[in-house]
């Protein structure tokens, strides 16, 4: 599925600001997930309800609201910036410090 096809599924429920299928940079193939931005919360909820568990060929589309990213990754609202990162109570790897 490409971005345009994804947008077609969602625009039946309302205005779509963007629809982006996440692609693997090395292979150029879909990573199996995508992001759709809909400005109207009610329309977005209808799209989630209407498209979740929809069979597309041999695969089933799972649609849910995006969650804030947690865990390793770039600094953001869910992560403090700067300083070493390791679990509280654990010792940092000695070869890194």
PDB file of N, CA and C in Angstrom:
ATOM      1  N   UNK A   1       0.855  -1.166   0.000  1.00  0.00           N
ATOM      2  CA  UNK A   1       0.000   0.000   0.000  1.00  0.00           C
ATOM      3  C   UNK A   1       0.909   1.239   0.000  1.00  0.00           C
ATOM      4  N   UNK A   2       0.548   2.232  -0.795  1.00  0.00           N
ATOM      5  CA  UNK A   2       1.312   3.483  -0.784  1.00  0.00           C
ATOM      6  C   UNK A   2       0.501   4.581  -0.095  1.00  0.00           C
ATOM      7  N   UNK A   3       1.091   5.774  -0.006  1.00  0.00           N
ATOM      8  CA  UNK A   3       0.457   6.884   0.705  1.00  0.00           C
ATOM      9  C   UNK A   3      -0.927   7.226   0.132  1.00  0.00           C
ATOM     10  N   UNK A   4      -1.033   7.266  -1.180  1.00  0.00           N
ATOM     11  CA  UNK A   4      -2.305   7.630  -1.822  1.00  0.00           C
ATOM     12  C   UNK A   4      -3.394   6.606  -1.532  1.00  0.00           C
ATOM     13  N   UNK A   5      -3.045   5.319  -1.594  1.00  0.00           N
ATOM     14  CA  UNK A   5      -4.022   4.269  -1.296  1.00  0.00           C
ATOM     15  C   UNK A   5      -4.474   4.344   0.157  1.00  0.00           C
ATOM     16  N   UNK A   6      -3.531   4.602   1.058  1.00  0.00           N
ATOM     17  CA  UNK A   6      -3.869   4.735   2.467  1.00  0.00           C
ATOM     18  C   UNK A   6      -4.830   5.898   2.681  1.00  0.00           C
ATOM     19  N   UNK A   7      -4.536   7.020   2.042  1.00  0.00           N
ATOM     20  CA  UNK A   7      -5.408   8.194   2.177  1.00  0.00           C
ATOM     21  C   UNK A   7      -6.812   7.904   1.676  1.00  0.00           C
ATOM     22  N   UNK A   8      -6.945   7.112   0.602  1.00  0.00           N
ATOM     23  CA  UNK A   8      -8.265   6.754   0.071  1.00  0.00           C
ATOM     24  C   UNK A   8      -9.125   6.032   1.118  1.00  0.00           C
ATOM     25  N   UNK A   9      -8.509   5.150   1.894  1.00  0.00           N
ATOM     26  CA  UNK A   9      -9.258   4.433   2.929  1.00  0.00           C
ATOM     27  C   UNK A   9      -9.809   5.409   3.962  1.00  0.00           C
ATOM     28  N   UNK A  10      -8.982   6.378   4.375  1.00  0.00           N
ATOM     29  CA  UNK A  10      -9.351   7.274   5.468  1.00  0.00           C
ATOM     30  C   UNK A  10     -10.220   8.439   5.035  1.00  0.00           C
ATOM     31  N   UNK A  11     -10.092   8.900   3.777  1.00  0.00           N
ATOM     32  CA  UNK A  11     -10.865  10.082   3.380  1.00  0.00           C
ATOM     33  C   UNK A  11     -12.359   9.799   3.256  1.00  0.00           C
ATOM     34  N   UNK A  12     -12.742   8.550   3.312  1.00  0.00           N
ATOM     35  CA  UNK A  12     -14.171   8.206   3.340  1.00  0.00           C
ATOM     36  C   UNK A  12     -14.815   8.618   4.667  1.00  0.00           C
ATOM     37  N   UNK A  13     -13.962   8.862   5.673  1.00  0.00           N
ATOM     38  CA  UNK A  13     -14.454   9.219   7.009  1.00  0.00           C
ATOM     39  C   UNK A  13     -14.304  10.708   7.311  1.00  0.00           C
ATOM     40  N   UNK A  14     -13.561  11.435   6.483  1.00  0.00           N
ATOM     41  CA  UNK A  14     -13.382  12.867   6.722  1.00  0.00           C
ATOM     42  C   UNK A  14     -12.100  13.392   6.105  1.00  0.00           C
ATOM     43  N   UNK A  15     -11.757  14.601   6.492  1.00  0.00           N
ATOM     44  CA  UNK A  15     -10.580  15.278   5.953  1.00  0.00           C
ATOM     45  C   UNK A  15      -9.309  14.612   6.470  1.00  0.00           C
ATOM     46  N   UNK A  16      -8.376  14.370   5.552  1.00  0.00           N
ATOM     47  CA  UNK A  16      -7.079  13.785   5.892  1.00  0.00           C
ATOM     48  C   UNK A  16      -6.011  14.824   5.591  1.00  0.00           C
ATOM     49  N   UNK A  17      -5.276  15.249   6.622  1.00  0.00           N
ATOM     50  CA  UNK A  17      -4.168  16.187   6.403  1.00  0.00           C
ATOM     51  C   UNK A  17      -2.988  15.495   5.756  1.00  0.00           C
ATOM     52  N   UNK A  18      -2.672  14.292   6.232  1.00  0.00           N
ATOM     53  CA  UNK A  18      -1.559  13.544   5.652  1.00  0.00           C
ATOM     54  C   UNK A  18      -1.742  12.061   5.917  1.00  0.00           C
ATOM     55  N   UNK A  19      -1.172  11.271   5.024  1.00  0.00           N
ATOM     56  CA  UNK A  19      -1.165   9.817   5.163  1.00  0.00           C
ATOM     57  C   UNK A  19       0.201   9.352   4.685  1.00  0.00           C
ATOM     58  N   UNK A  20       0.960   8.718   5.563  1.00  0.00           N
ATOM     59  CA  UNK A  20       2.335   8.349   5.247  1.00  0.00           C
ATOM     60  C   UNK A  20       2.613   6.914   5.661  1.00  0.00           C
ATOM     61  N   UNK A  21       2.901   6.077   4.666  1.00  0.00           N
ATOM     62  CA  UNK A  21       3.323   4.702   4.916  1.00  0.00           C
ATOM     63  C   UNK A  21       4.822   4.757   5.218  1.00  0.00           C
ATOM     64  N   UNK A  22       5.241   4.153   6.317  1.00  0.00           N
ATOM     65  CA  UNK A  22       6.645   4.172   6.711  1.00  0.00           C
ATOM     66  C   UNK A  22       7.411   3.129   5.907  1.00  0.00           C
ATOM     67  N   UNK A  23       8.465   3.607   5.233  1.00  0.00           N
ATOM     68  CA  UNK A  23       9.243   2.743   4.357  1.00  0.00           C
ATOM     69  C   UNK A  23      10.626   2.470   4.939  1.00  0.00           C
ATOM     70  N   UNK A  24      11.143   1.276   4.691  1.00  0.00           N
ATOM     71  CA  UNK A  24      12.493   0.920   5.100  1.00  0.00           C
ATOM     72  C   UNK A  24      13.469   1.598   4.141  1.00  0.00           C
ATOM     73  N   UNK A  25      14.424   2.328   4.673  1.00  0.00           N
ATOM     74  CA  UNK A  25      15.368   3.074   3.834  1.00  0.00           C
ATOM     75  C   UNK A  25      16.262   2.164   3.002  1.00  0.00           C
ATOM     76  N   UNK A  26      16.593   0.995   3.519  1.00  0.00           N
ATOM     77  CA  UNK A  26      17.490   0.084   2.805  1.00  0.00           C
ATOM     78  C   UNK A  26      16.782  -0.700   1.706  1.00  0.00           C
ATOM     79  N   UNK A  27      15.594  -1.227   2.006  1.00  0.00           N
ATOM     80  CA  UNK A  27      14.914  -2.088   1.043  1.00  0.00           C
ATOM     81  C   UNK A  27      13.891  -1.355   0.184  1.00  0.00           C
ATOM     82  N   UNK A  28      13.420  -0.193   0.674  1.00  0.00           N
ATOM     83  CA  UNK A  28      12.387   0.542  -0.050  1.00  0.00           C
ATOM     84  C   UNK A  28      11.000  -0.058   0.110  1.00  0.00           C
ATOM     85  N   UNK A  29      10.876  -1.053   0.989  1.00  0.00           N
ATOM     86  CA  UNK A  29       9.583  -1.706   1.221  1.00  0.00           C
ATOM     87  C   UNK A  29       8.937  -1.145   2.489  1.00  0.00           C
ATOM     88  N   UNK A  30       7.635  -1.312   2.579  1.00  0.00           N
ATOM     89  CA  UNK A  30       6.886  -0.864   3.752  1.00  0.00           C
ATOM     90  C   UNK A  30       7.391  -1.559   5.010  1.00  0.00           C
ATOM     91  N   UNK A  31       7.453  -0.808   6.108  1.00  0.00           N
ATOM     92  CA  UNK A  31       7.840  -1.387   7.394  1.00  0.00           C
ATOM     93  C   UNK A  31       6.628  -1.975   8.110  1.00  0.00           C
ATOM     94  N   UNK A  32       5.444  -1.879   7.510  1.00  0.00           N
ATOM     95  CA  UNK A  32       4.250  -2.508   8.075  1.00  0.00           C
ATOM     96  C   UNK A  32       3.413  -1.597   8.936  1.00  0.00           C
ATOM     97  N   UNK A  33       3.729  -0.301   8.957  1.00  0.00           N
ATOM     98  CA  UNK A  33       2.888   0.627   9.689  1.00  0.00           C
ATOM     99  C   UNK A  33       2.892   1.978   8.997  1.00  0.00           C
ATOM    100  N   UNK A  34       1.926   2.812   9.388  1.00  0.00           N
ATOM    101  CA  UNK A  34       1.755   4.111   8.743  1.00  0.00           C
ATOM    102  C   UNK A  34       1.168   5.098   9.739  1.00  0.00           C
ATOM    103  N   UNK A  35       1.169   6.359   9.348  1.00  0.00           N
ATOM    104  CA  UNK A  35       0.588   7.409  10.172  1.00  0.00           C
ATOM    105  C   UNK A  35      -0.380   8.222   9.333  1.00  0.00           C
ATOM    106  N   UNK A  36      -1.556   8.480   9.892  1.00  0.00           N
ATOM    107  CA  UNK A  36      -2.571   9.286   9.219  1.00  0.00           C
ATOM    108  C   UNK A  36      -2.943  10.416  10.162  1.00  0.00           C
ATOM    109  N   UNK A  37      -2.948  11.644   9.659  1.00  0.00           N
ATOM    110  CA  UNK A  37      -3.311  12.809  10.461  1.00  0.00           C
ATOM    111  C   UNK A  37      -4.662  13.327   9.990  1.00  0.00           C
ATOM    112  N   UNK A  38      -5.634  13.283  10.896  1.00  0.00           N
ATOM    113  CA  UNK A  38      -6.974  13.799  10.623  1.00  0.00           C
ATOM    114  C   UNK A  38      -7.270  14.890  11.648  1.00  0.00           C
ATOM    115  N   UNK A  39      -7.636  16.101  11.205  1.00  0.00           N
ATOM    116  CA  UNK A  39      -7.823  17.205  12.128  1.00  0.00           C
ATOM    117  C   UNK A  39      -9.066  17.107  13.011  1.00  0.00           C
ATOM    118  N   UNK A  40     -10.063  16.387  12.582  1.00  0.00           N
ATOM    119  CA  UNK A  40     -11.310  16.284  13.341  1.00  0.00           C
ATOM    120  C   UNK A  40     -11.292  14.992  14.160  1.00  0.00           C
ATOM    121  N   UNK A  41     -11.329  15.130  15.486  1.00  0.00           N
ATOM    122  CA  UNK A  41     -11.245  13.966  16.380  1.00  0.00           C
ATOM    123  C   UNK A  41     -12.400  12.987  16.183  1.00  0.00           C
ATOM    124  N   UNK A  42     -13.595  13.502  15.930  1.00  0.00           N
ATOM    125  CA  UNK A  42     -14.746  12.612  15.729  1.00  0.00           C
ATOM    126  C   UNK A  42     -14.597  11.798  14.453  1.00  0.00           C
ATOM    127  N   UNK A  43     -14.145  12.448  13.383  1.00  0.00           N
ATOM    128  CA  UNK A  43     -13.924  11.735  12.120  1.00  0.00           C
ATOM    129  C   UNK A  43     -12.803  10.715  12.266  1.00  0.00           C
ATOM    130  N   UNK A  44     -11.765  11.084  13.000  1.00  0.00           N
ATOM    131  CA  UNK A  44     -10.657  10.157  13.230  1.00  0.00           C
ATOM    132  C   UNK A  44     -11.142   8.928  13.999  1.00  0.00           C
ATOM    133  N   UNK A  45     -11.966   9.130  15.016  1.00  0.00           N
ATOM    134  CA  UNK A  45     -12.501   8.019  15.804  1.00  0.00           C
ATOM    135  C   UNK A  45     -13.368   7.115  14.924  1.00  0.00           C
ATOM    136  N   UNK A  46     -14.173   7.711  14.036  1.00  0.00           N
ATOM    137  CA  UNK A  46     -14.992   6.910  13.115  1.00  0.00           C
ATOM    138  C   UNK A  46     -14.107   6.096  12.179  1.00  0.00           C
ATOM    139  N   UNK A  47     -13.009   6.685  11.702  1.00  0.00           N
ATOM    140  CA  UNK A  47     -12.083   5.967  10.831  1.00  0.00           C
ATOM    141  C   UNK A  47     -11.451   4.794  11.576  1.00  0.00           C
ATOM    142  N   UNK A  48     -11.051   5.036  12.819  1.00  0.00           N
ATOM    143  CA  UNK A  48     -10.468   3.953  13.617  1.00  0.00           C
ATOM    144  C   UNK A  48     -11.471   2.819  13.779  1.00  0.00           C
ATOM    145  N   UNK A  49     -12.687   3.172  14.164  1.00  0.00           N
ATOM    146  CA  UNK A  49     -13.729   2.154  14.360  1.00  0.00           C
ATOM    147  C   UNK A  49     -14.084   1.441  13.055  1.00  0.00           C
ATOM    148  N   UNK A  50     -14.136   2.200  11.958  1.00  0.00           N
ATOM    149  CA  UNK A  50     -14.557   1.635  10.678  1.00  0.00           C
ATOM    150  C   UNK A  50     -13.502   0.817   9.967  1.00  0.00           C
ATOM    151  N   UNK A  51     -12.214   1.124  10.208  1.00  0.00           N
ATOM    152  CA  UNK A  51     -11.146   0.455   9.462  1.00  0.00           C
ATOM    153  C   UNK A  51     -10.376  -0.586  10.269  1.00  0.00           C
ATOM    154  N   UNK A  52     -10.479  -0.542  11.587  1.00  0.00           N
ATOM    155  CA  UNK A  52      -9.742  -1.503  12.403  1.00  0.00           C
ATOM    156  C   UNK A  52     -10.223  -2.923  12.101  1.00  0.00           C
ATOM    157  N   UNK A  53      -9.276  -3.807  11.911  1.00  0.00           N
ATOM    158  CA  UNK A  53      -9.510  -5.229  11.598  1.00  0.00           C
ATOM    159  C   UNK A  53     -10.069  -5.460  10.199  1.00  0.00           C
ATOM    160  N   UNK A  54      -9.905  -4.488   9.304  1.00  0.00           N
ATOM    161  CA  UNK A  54     -10.336  -4.642   7.919  1.00  0.00           C
ATOM    162  C   UNK A  54      -9.361  -5.555   7.179  1.00  0.00           C
ATOM    163  N   UNK A  55      -9.885  -6.598   6.529  1.00  0.00           N
ATOM    164  CA  UNK A  55      -9.046  -7.513   5.755  1.00  0.00           C
ATOM    165  C   UNK A  55      -8.719  -6.876   4.410  1.00  0.00           C
ATOM    166  N   UNK A  56      -7.420  -6.810   4.121  1.00  0.00           N
ATOM    167  CA  UNK A  56      -6.942  -6.298   2.836  1.00  0.00           C
ATOM    168  C   UNK A  56      -6.049  -7.385   2.249  1.00  0.00           C
ATOM    169  N   UNK A  57      -6.589  -8.109   1.293  1.00  0.00           N
ATOM    170  CA  UNK A  57      -5.852  -9.247   0.756  1.00  0.00           C
ATOM    171  C   UNK A  57      -5.652 -10.277   1.847  1.00  0.00           C
ATOM    172  N   UNK A  58      -4.381 -10.666   2.078  1.00  0.00           N
ATOM    173  CA  UNK A  58      -4.062 -11.666   3.096  1.00  0.00           C
ATOM    174  C   UNK A  58      -3.737 -11.035   4.445  1.00  0.00           C
ATOM    175  N   UNK A  59      -3.782  -9.710   4.524  1.00  0.00           N
ATOM    176  CA  UNK A  59      -3.428  -9.021   5.764  1.00  0.00           C
ATOM    177  C   UNK A  59      -4.631  -8.317   6.367  1.00  0.00           C
ATOM    178  N   UNK A  60      -4.544  -8.048   7.652  1.00  0.00           N
ATOM    179  CA  UNK A  60      -5.602  -7.341   8.370  1.00  0.00           C
ATOM    180  C   UNK A  60      -5.044  -5.993   8.817  1.00  0.00           C
ATOM    181  N   UNK A  61      -5.785  -4.924   8.526  1.00  0.00           N
ATOM    182  CA  UNK A  61      -5.359  -3.589   8.924  1.00  0.00           C
ATOM    183  C   UNK A  61      -5.732  -3.373  10.396  1.00  0.00           C
ATOM    184  N   UNK A  62      -4.744  -3.017  11.190  1.00  0.00           N
ATOM    185  CA  UNK A  62      -4.967  -2.664  12.584  1.00  0.00           C
ATOM    186  C   UNK A  62      -4.855  -1.139  12.660  1.00  0.00           C
ATOM    187  N   UNK A  63      -5.901  -0.498  13.143  1.00  0.00           N
ATOM    188  CA  UNK A  63      -5.934   0.964  13.214  1.00  0.00           C
ATOM    189  C   UNK A  63      -6.165   1.369  14.656  1.00  0.00           C
ATOM    190  N   UNK A  64      -5.274   2.209  15.164  1.00  0.00           N
ATOM    191  CA  UNK A  64      -5.416   2.712  16.529  1.00  0.00           C
ATOM    192  C   UNK A  64      -4.802   4.097  16.611  1.00  0.00           C
ATOM    193  N   UNK A  65      -5.160   4.792  17.663  1.00  0.00           N
ATOM    194  CA  UNK A  65      -4.612   6.120  17.871  1.00  0.00           C
ATOM    195  C   UNK A  65      -3.129   5.999  18.198  1.00  0.00           C
ATOM    196  N   UNK A  66      -2.323   6.897  17.631  1.00  0.00           N
ATOM    197  CA  UNK A  66      -0.881   6.872  17.888  1.00  0.00           C
ATOM    198  C   UNK A  66      -0.618   7.146  19.361  1.00  0.00           C
ATOM    199  N   UNK A  67       0.393   6.467  19.883  1.00  0.00           N
ATOM    200  CA  UNK A  67       0.787   6.646  21.272  1.00  0.00           C
ATOM    201  C   UNK A  67       2.105   7.401  21.318  1.00  0.00           C
ATOM    202  N   UNK A  68       2.316   8.135  22.398  1.00  0.00           N
ATOM    203  CA  UNK A  68       3.563   8.855  22.574  1.00  0.00           C
ATOM    204  C   UNK A  68       4.701   7.850  22.635  1.00  0.00           C
ATOM    205  N   UNK A  69       5.778   8.143  21.929  1.00  0.00           N
ATOM    206  CA  UNK A  69       6.910   7.226  21.874  1.00  0.00           C
ATOM    207  C   UNK A  69       7.613   7.166  23.223  1.00  0.00           C
ATOM    208  N   UNK A  70       7.944   5.959  23.647  1.00  0.00           N
ATOM    209  CA  UNK A  70       8.651   5.742  24.916  1.00  0.00           C
ATOM    210  C   UNK A  70       9.883   4.881  24.628  1.00  0.00           C
ATOM    211  N   UNK A  71      10.837   4.923  25.517  1.00  0.00           N
ATOM    212  CA  UNK A  71      12.008   4.067  25.386  1.00  0.00           C
ATOM    213  C   UNK A  71      13.095   4.704  24.566  1.00  0.00           C
ATOM    214  N   UNK A  72      14.065   3.915  24.114  1.00  0.00           N
ATOM    215  CA  UNK A  72      15.209   4.450  23.379  1.00  0.00           C
ATOM    216  C   UNK A  72      14.770   5.209  22.137  1.00  0.00           C
ATOM    217  N   UNK A  73      15.442   6.281  21.878  1.00  0.00           N
ATOM    218  CA  UNK A  73      15.138   7.090  20.710  1.00  0.00           C
ATOM    219  C   UNK A  73      15.539   8.515  20.961  1.00  0.00           C
ATOM    220  N   UNK A  74      15.237   9.383  20.026  1.00  0.00           N
ATOM    221  CA  UNK A  74      15.628  10.775  20.184  1.00  0.00           C
ATOM    222  C   UNK A  74      14.925  11.433  21.366  1.00  0.00           C
ATOM    223  N   UNK A  75      15.577  12.458  21.894  1.00  0.00           N
ATOM    224  CA  UNK A  75      14.971  13.194  23.009  1.00  0.00           C
ATOM    225  C   UNK A  75      13.671  13.818  22.539  1.00  0.00           C
ATOM    226  N   UNK A  76      12.689  13.830  23.380  1.00  0.00           N
ATOM    227  CA  UNK A  76      11.383  14.390  23.034  1.00  0.00           C
ATOM    228  C   UNK A  76      10.592  14.594  24.300  1.00  0.00           C
ATOM    229  N   UNK A  77       9.287  14.830  24.166  1.00  0.00           N
ATOM    230  CA  UNK A  77       8.472  15.094  25.349  1.00  0.00           C
ATOM    231  C   UNK A  77       8.500  13.969  26.372  1.00  0.00           C
ATOM    232  N   UNK A  78       8.698  12.733  25.910  1.00  0.00           N
ATOM    233  CA  UNK A  78       8.675  11.612  26.844  1.00  0.00           C
ATOM    234  C   UNK A  78      10.069  11.248  27.342  1.00  0.00           C
ATOM    235  N   UNK A  79      11.094  11.972  26.867  1.00  0.00           N
ATOM    236  CA  UNK A  79      12.466  11.657  27.246  1.00  0.00           C
ATOM    237  C   UNK A  79      13.199  12.921  27.635  1.00  0.00           C
ATOM    238  N   UNK A  80      13.998  12.889  28.693  1.00  0.00           N
ATOM    239  CA  UNK A  80      14.828  14.045  29.001  1.00  0.00           C
ATOM    240  C   UNK A  80      15.970  14.140  28.003  1.00  0.00           C
ATOM    241  N   UNK A  81      16.459  15.334  27.759  1.00  0.00           N
ATOM    242  CA  UNK A  81      17.571  15.475  26.822  1.00  0.00           C
ATOM    243  C   UNK A  81      18.886  15.537  27.579  1.00  0.00           C
ATOM    244  N   UNK A  82      19.953  15.130  26.928  1.00  0.00           N
ATOM    245  CA  UNK A  82      21.292  15.230  27.477  1.00  0.00           C
ATOM    246  C   UNK A  82      21.585  14.162  28.516  1.00  0.00           C
ATOM    247  N   UNK A  83      22.882  13.928  28.761  1.00  0.00           N
ATOM    248  CA  UNK A  83      23.313  13.001  29.798  1.00  0.00           C
ATOM    249  C   UNK A  83      23.220  11.554  29.371  1.00  0.00           C
ATOM    250  N   UNK A  84      23.889  10.672  30.104  1.00  0.00           N
ATOM    251  CA  UNK A  84      23.829   9.254  29.764  1.00  0.00           C
ATOM    252  C   UNK A  84      22.436   8.702  30.026  1.00  0.00           C
ATOM    253  N   UNK A  85      22.070   7.682  29.270  1.00  0.00           N
ATOM    254  CA  UNK A  85      20.753   7.083  29.409  1.00  0.00           C
ATOM    255  C   UNK A  85      20.892   5.623  29.780  1.00  0.00           C
ATOM    256  N   UNK A  86      20.421   5.280  30.953  1.00  0.00           N
ATOM    257  CA  UNK A  86      20.373   3.899  31.393  1.00  0.00           C
ATOM    258  C   UNK A  86      19.298   3.796  32.445  1.00  0.00           C
ATOM    259  N   UNK A  87      18.848   2.596  32.715  1.00  0.00           N
ATOM    260  CA  UNK A  87      17.743   2.384  33.652  1.00  0.00           C
ATOM    261  C   UNK A  87      18.161   2.764  35.063  1.00  0.00           C
ATOM    262  N   UNK A  88      17.260   3.417  35.817  1.00  0.00           N
ATOM    263  CA  UNK A  88      17.564   3.721  37.212  1.00  0.00           C
ATOM    264  C   UNK A  88      17.895   2.447  37.967  1.00  0.00           C
ATOM    265  N   UNK A  89      18.909   2.504  38.794  1.00  0.00           N
ATOM    266  CA  UNK A  89      19.294   1.340  39.583  1.00  0.00           C
ATOM    267  C   UNK A  89      20.257   0.429  38.861  1.00  0.00           C
ATOM    268  N   UNK A  90      20.496   0.676  37.586  1.00  0.00           N
ATOM    269  CA  UNK A  90      21.455  -0.152  36.861  1.00  0.00           C
ATOM    270  C   UNK A  90      22.772   0.592  36.768  1.00  0.00           C
ATOM    271  N   UNK A  91      23.811  -0.133  36.495  1.00  0.00           N
ATOM    272  CA  UNK A  91      25.119   0.482  36.344  1.00  0.00           C
ATOM    273  C   UNK A  91      25.352   0.723  34.863  1.00  0.00           C
ATOM    274  N   UNK A  92      25.897   1.887  34.502  1.00  0.00           N
ATOM    275  CA  UNK A  92      26.199   2.115  33.090  1.00  0.00           C
ATOM    276  C   UNK A  92      27.301   1.179  32.627  1.00  0.00           C
ATOM    277  N   UNK A  93      27.272   0.785  31.363  1.00  0.00           N
ATOM    278  CA  UNK A  93      28.337  -0.084  30.859  1.00  0.00           C
ATOM    279  C   UNK A  93      29.683   0.606  31.006  1.00  0.00           C
ATOM    280  N   UNK A  94      30.671  -0.076  31.596  1.00  0.00           N
ATOM    281  CA  UNK A  94      31.960   0.531  31.898  1.00  0.00           C
ATOM    282  C   UNK A  94      32.737   0.912  30.637  1.00  0.00           C
ATOM    283  N   UNK A  95      32.501   0.205  29.532  1.00  0.00           N
ATOM    284  CA  UNK A  95      33.246   0.524  28.317  1.00  0.00           C
ATOM    285  C   UNK A  95      32.731   1.779  27.626  1.00  0.00           C
ATOM    286  N   UNK A  96      31.640   2.332  28.107  1.00  0.00           N
ATOM    287  CA  UNK A  96      31.085   3.525  27.479  1.00  0.00           C
ATOM    288  C   UNK A  96      31.441   4.785  28.237  1.00  0.00           C
ATOM    289  N   UNK A  97      31.960   4.666  29.477  1.00  0.00           N
ATOM    290  CA  UNK A  97      32.204   5.855  30.292  1.00  0.00           C
ATOM    291  C   UNK A  97      33.623   5.879  30.786  1.00  0.00           C
TER     292      UNK A  97
END
